[in-house]
Amino acid sequence: MIYFIIFNETSMTNNKILPRSWVQKIAPEQLIQLIKSAVHFGHSVNCWNPKMFPYIYTEKNGLHIIDLVQTAQLLDKACNFVYEAALENKKILFVGTKPEAASIVAEAALNCNSYYINYRWLGGMLTNWSTVESRIQRLKTLEQKEIEGVFDLLSNKEASNLKKELEKLHFLFDGIKYMDGVPDVIIIVDQTIEMTAIQEASILNIPIISILDTNCDPDLIDIPIPGNDDSTLSIKLILNKLAESIYSAQTKK
């Protein structure tokens, strides 16, 4: 069924025929890569958001199957967007705090000299940036004290409390420790979990790119990328594509 999208002369999406010329713009290798990474698997049919209907190809064994032609098109659009943003030295923030995404988010951001939040989103992370800056400064201060051996001069209890505080600050702010101000673009993994981040970005008119599974609301996102947001292979493939585009722009300058 999915291979029908790739190899047939036309692709059927929600009873609409996509022109052969459009399908031919998508390299078969790219779609096969998406399939191998399980990007096409959506949620069960009774756990969906009807607004995702335009991005659903069909239903199979009680699951919605995402239209990978549209995924490929929108992923290319997102890659072009972040490429242009990186050329303009804009700050790009990767956000994904669920356990299966955390390490992938950090790796993708670090690979393209960008920023990330992968532990927990604190309310006001963007809309109350001055408070966040003060916590980041506290993190840097404690790091310096640890390097200078100050902890060794304290009582066991005092040193233990400061080490616990430092560890918590590392989890929360390591990925944005050197981000001077709110980001210019945000990339989200799992909209349903990161709604606070999306709301804050919307308030500040920060463009949002997000992987959207079939239970998401595309109206809240500037550039949606329809895809499986639960599979580590899917998340890694999509974030790596975005990171490669960012890094390509950075090395071009």
Protein backbone atom coordinates (compact mmCIF):
# COMPACT_ATOMS: atom_id res chain seq x y z
CA MET A 1 0.00 0.00 0.00
CA ILE A 2 2.69 2.49 0.99
CA TYR A 3 4.79 1.48 -1.98
CA PHE A 4 1.84 2.51 -4.13
CA ILE A 5 2.65 6.10 -3.15
CA ILE A 6 6.18 5.71 -4.40
CA PHE A 7 5.89 3.74 -7.57
CA ASN A 8 2.44 4.41 -8.98
CA GLU A 9 1.92 7.19 -11.48
CA THR A 10 -0.47 8.98 -9.13
CA SER A 11 -1.03 9.02 -5.39
CA MET A 12 -4.45 8.93 -3.73
CA THR A 13 -4.76 11.09 -0.60
CA ASN A 14 -8.18 11.48 1.02
CA ASN A 15 -9.87 10.85 -2.32
CA LYS A 16 -7.74 13.51 -4.00
CA ILE A 17 -5.35 12.60 -6.77
CA LEU A 18 -1.89 14.08 -6.47
CA PRO A 19 -0.45 14.93 -9.90
CA ARG A 20 2.21 12.68 -11.32
CA SER A 21 4.51 15.72 -11.66
CA TRP A 22 4.28 16.31 -7.88
CA VAL A 23 5.01 12.70 -6.96
CA GLN A 24 7.99 12.68 -9.31
CA LYS A 25 9.54 15.52 -7.35
CA ILE A 26 9.99 13.13 -4.44
CA ALA A 27 12.94 10.77 -4.79
CA PRO A 28 11.85 7.14 -4.28
CA GLU A 29 14.92 6.66 -2.06
CA GLN A 30 13.68 9.43 0.22
CA LEU A 31 10.27 7.81 0.64
CA ILE A 32 11.76 4.38 1.21
CA GLN A 33 13.97 5.91 3.92
CA LEU A 34 10.86 7.35 5.58
CA ILE A 35 9.15 3.96 5.45
CA LYS A 36 12.14 2.15 6.94
CA SER A 37 12.11 4.62 9.82
CA ALA A 38 8.38 3.96 10.45
CA VAL A 39 7.49 7.60 9.83
CA HIS A 40 4.18 6.55 8.22
CA PHE A 41 2.65 4.90 11.30
CA GLY A 42 0.08 7.12 13.00
CA HIS A 43 -2.05 6.46 16.08
CA SER A 44 -5.04 4.17 16.30
CA VAL A 45 -8.08 5.43 14.44
CA ASN A 46 -9.95 6.22 17.67
CA CYS A 47 -7.08 8.43 18.94
CA TRP A 48 -6.82 11.07 16.26
CA ASN A 49 -7.43 14.73 15.65
CA PRO A 50 -9.77 15.25 12.67
CA LYS A 51 -7.69 18.27 11.66
CA MET A 52 -4.97 15.81 10.62
CA PHE A 53 -7.29 14.29 8.00
CA PRO A 54 -5.54 16.00 5.05
CA TYR A 55 -2.25 14.32 6.01
CA ILE A 56 -3.63 10.79 6.40
CA TYR A 57 -3.23 8.39 3.47
CA THR A 58 -5.44 5.53 4.67
CA GLU A 59 -6.34 3.24 7.56
CA LYS A 60 -4.69 -0.14 8.08
CA ASN A 61 -5.33 -2.65 10.87
CA GLY A 62 -6.86 0.00 13.10
CA LEU A 63 -4.02 2.49 12.56
CA HIS A 64 -3.92 5.64 10.50
CA ILE A 65 -1.22 5.64 7.85
CA ILE A 66 0.38 9.02 7.17
CA ASP A 67 0.79 10.23 3.59
CA LEU A 68 4.55 10.16 3.12
CA VAL A 69 4.40 12.19 -0.09
CA GLN A 70 3.21 15.13 2.00
CA THR A 71 5.69 14.30 4.75
CA ALA A 72 8.56 14.46 2.27
CA GLN A 73 7.30 17.72 0.79
CA LEU A 74 6.84 19.40 4.16
CA LEU A 75 10.14 18.07 5.52
CA ASP A 76 11.87 19.67 2.53
CA LYS A 77 10.02 22.92 3.25
CA ALA A 78 11.12 22.82 6.89
CA CYS A 79 14.72 22.07 5.89
CA ASN A 80 14.73 25.04 3.52
CA PHE A 81 13.27 27.25 6.26
CA VAL A 82 15.91 26.37 8.85
CA TYR A 83 18.64 26.62 6.20
CA GLU A 84 17.64 30.22 5.47
CA ALA A 85 17.32 30.95 9.20
CA ALA A 86 20.83 29.60 9.84
CA LEU A 87 22.23 31.71 7.02
CA GLU A 88 20.89 34.75 8.90
CA ASN A 89 22.50 33.58 12.16
CA LYS A 90 19.12 33.00 13.78
CA LYS A 91 18.92 30.99 16.99
CA ILE A 92 17.22 27.62 16.58
CA LEU A 93 15.90 25.66 19.56
CA PHE A 94 15.11 21.92 19.51
CA VAL A 95 12.49 20.84 22.07
CA GLY A 96 11.62 17.26 22.99
CA THR A 97 11.32 16.23 26.61
CA LYS A 98 9.84 12.73 26.46
CA PRO A 99 12.39 10.02 27.31
CA GLU A 100 12.51 8.39 23.86
CA ALA A 101 13.31 11.73 22.23
CA ALA A 102 15.63 13.34 24.80
CA SER A 103 19.01 12.02 23.63
CA ILE A 104 18.08 12.40 19.94
CA VAL A 105 17.09 16.04 20.48
CA ALA A 106 20.38 16.84 22.25
CA GLU A 107 22.47 15.08 19.60
CA ALA A 108 20.71 16.79 16.69
CA ALA A 109 21.07 20.24 18.26
CA LEU A 110 24.74 19.75 19.14
CA ASN A 111 25.49 18.49 15.62
CA CYS A 112 24.38 21.82 14.18
CA ASN A 113 25.57 24.22 16.89
CA SER A 114 22.04 24.90 18.03
CA TYR A 115 20.20 24.79 21.34
CA TYR A 116 17.93 22.27 23.00
CA ILE A 117 15.62 21.54 25.90
CA ASN A 118 15.21 17.82 26.49
CA TYR A 119 14.50 17.36 30.19
CA ARG A 120 11.56 19.53 31.20
CA TRP A 121 9.96 22.69 29.88
CA LEU A 122 9.53 25.22 32.66
CA GLY A 123 6.58 27.56 32.38
CA GLY A 124 7.84 30.97 31.29
CA MET A 125 10.95 29.57 29.62
CA LEU A 126 10.38 32.06 26.79
CA THR A 127 7.86 34.57 28.10
CA ASN A 128 9.83 35.13 31.32
CA TRP A 129 13.31 34.93 29.84
CA SER A 130 14.90 37.26 32.41
CA THR A 131 14.19 34.72 35.17
CA VAL A 132 15.59 31.91 33.04
CA GLU A 133 18.75 33.95 32.46
CA SER A 134 19.20 34.31 36.22
CA ARG A 135 18.98 30.53 36.65
CA ILE A 136 21.49 30.00 33.84
CA GLN A 137 23.84 32.43 35.56
CA ARG A 138 23.41 30.44 38.76
CA LEU A 139 24.36 27.30 36.83
CA LYS A 140 27.53 28.94 35.52
CA THR A 141 28.42 30.22 38.99
CA LEU A 142 28.09 26.78 40.55
CA GLU A 143 30.09 25.22 37.72
CA GLN A 144 32.90 27.66 38.37
CA LYS A 145 32.85 26.97 42.11
CA GLU A 146 33.07 23.25 41.44
CA ILE A 147 36.05 23.76 39.12
CA GLU A 148 37.79 25.94 41.69
CA GLY A 149 37.30 23.31 44.42
CA VAL A 150 35.01 25.46 46.54
CA PHE A 151 32.71 22.52 47.23
CA ASP A 152 35.61 20.70 48.90
CA LEU A 153 35.89 23.48 51.49
CA LEU A 154 32.26 23.18 52.57
CA SER A 155 30.60 20.81 54.99
CA ASN A 156 29.35 17.53 53.54
CA LYS A 157 25.74 18.71 53.80
CA GLU A 158 26.39 22.07 52.12
CA ALA A 159 28.44 20.48 49.36
CA SER A 160 25.80 17.81 48.80
CA ASN A 161 23.02 20.39 48.50
CA LEU A 162 24.99 22.46 46.01
CA LYS A 163 25.85 19.40 43.93
CA LYS A 164 22.18 18.41 43.79
CA GLU A 165 21.25 21.94 42.75
CA LEU A 166 23.96 21.92 40.08
CA GLU A 167 22.80 18.56 38.73
CA LYS A 168 19.21 19.80 38.45
CA LEU A 169 20.31 23.00 36.71
CA HIS A 170 22.36 20.93 34.25
CA PHE A 171 19.30 18.89 33.32
CA LEU A 172 17.16 21.99 32.85
CA PHE A 173 19.51 24.44 31.20
CA ASP A 174 22.57 22.73 29.70
CA GLY A 175 21.11 22.94 26.21
CA ILE A 176 20.46 26.68 26.40
CA LYS A 177 23.38 27.72 28.61
CA TYR A 178 24.90 29.87 25.86
CA MET A 179 21.68 31.04 24.18
CA ASP A 180 21.67 34.84 24.37
CA GLY A 181 17.97 35.60 24.26
CA VAL A 182 14.84 33.81 23.11
CA PRO A 183 15.17 31.66 19.98
CA ASP A 184 14.10 32.72 16.51
CA VAL A 185 12.81 29.28 15.49
CA ILE A 186 11.58 26.33 17.55
CA ILE A 187 11.54 22.68 16.46
CA ILE A 188 9.14 20.50 18.45
CA VAL A 189 8.91 16.75 18.99
CA ASP A 190 5.43 15.65 20.16
CA GLN A 191 3.08 18.59 20.14
CA THR A 192 0.76 17.07 22.75
CA ILE A 193 3.55 17.04 25.37
CA GLU A 194 5.10 20.41 24.50
CA MET A 195 1.93 22.54 24.45
CA THR A 196 3.33 25.05 26.95
CA ALA A 197 6.34 25.66 24.70
CA ILE A 198 4.04 26.07 21.69
CA GLN A 199 1.80 28.53 23.52
CA GLU A 200 4.77 30.64 24.61
CA ALA A 201 6.28 30.61 21.13
CA SER A 202 2.93 31.68 19.68
CA ILE A 203 2.67 34.58 22.11
CA LEU A 204 6.11 35.79 20.98
CA ASN A 205 5.44 35.07 17.28
CA ILE A 206 8.31 32.58 17.07
CA PRO A 207 7.91 30.25 14.05
CA ILE A 208 7.25 26.64 15.06
CA ILE A 209 8.25 23.51 13.16
CA SER A 210 6.85 20.29 14.59
CA ILE A 211 6.59 16.59 13.88
CA LEU A 212 2.85 15.98 13.89
CA ASP A 213 1.40 12.57 14.63
CA THR A 214 -2.26 11.90 13.83
CA ASN A 215 -3.42 13.06 17.28
CA CYS A 216 -2.04 16.59 16.82
CA ASP A 217 -3.48 19.96 15.78
CA PRO A 218 -1.77 21.36 12.66
CA ASP A 219 -3.44 24.75 13.13
CA LEU A 220 -1.01 25.53 15.96
CA ILE A 221 2.10 24.97 13.86
CA ASP A 222 3.73 27.11 11.17
CA ILE A 223 5.43 24.23 9.35
CA PRO A 224 3.97 20.81 10.19
CA ILE A 225 5.88 17.62 9.37
CA PRO A 226 3.34 14.76 9.43
CA GLY A 227 5.05 11.76 10.98
CA ASN A 228 5.36 9.24 13.76
CA ASP A 229 6.49 11.08 16.91
CA ASP A 230 6.81 7.92 19.02
CA SER A 231 9.37 5.94 17.02
CA THR A 232 12.97 6.79 17.82
CA LEU A 233 13.90 5.97 14.21
CA SER A 234 11.30 8.41 12.91
CA ILE A 235 12.30 11.19 15.31
CA LYS A 236 15.99 10.70 14.56
CA LEU A 237 15.52 10.74 10.79
CA ILE A 238 13.49 13.94 10.78
CA LEU A 239 15.64 15.83 13.30
CA ASN A 240 18.85 14.78 11.57
CA LYS A 241 17.54 16.10 8.25
CA LEU A 242 16.80 19.45 9.88
CA ALA A 243 20.17 19.50 11.66
CA GLU A 244 22.00 18.74 8.41
CA SER A 245 20.30 21.70 6.73
CA ILE A 246 21.24 24.01 9.58
CA TYR A 247 24.84 22.83 9.60
CA SER A 248 25.06 23.14 5.82
CA ALA A 249 24.08 26.79 6.05
CA GLN A 250 26.53 27.42 8.89
CA THR A 251 29.46 25.95 6.96
CA LYS A 252 28.54 27.86 3.81
CA LYS A 253 29.12 31.26 5.40
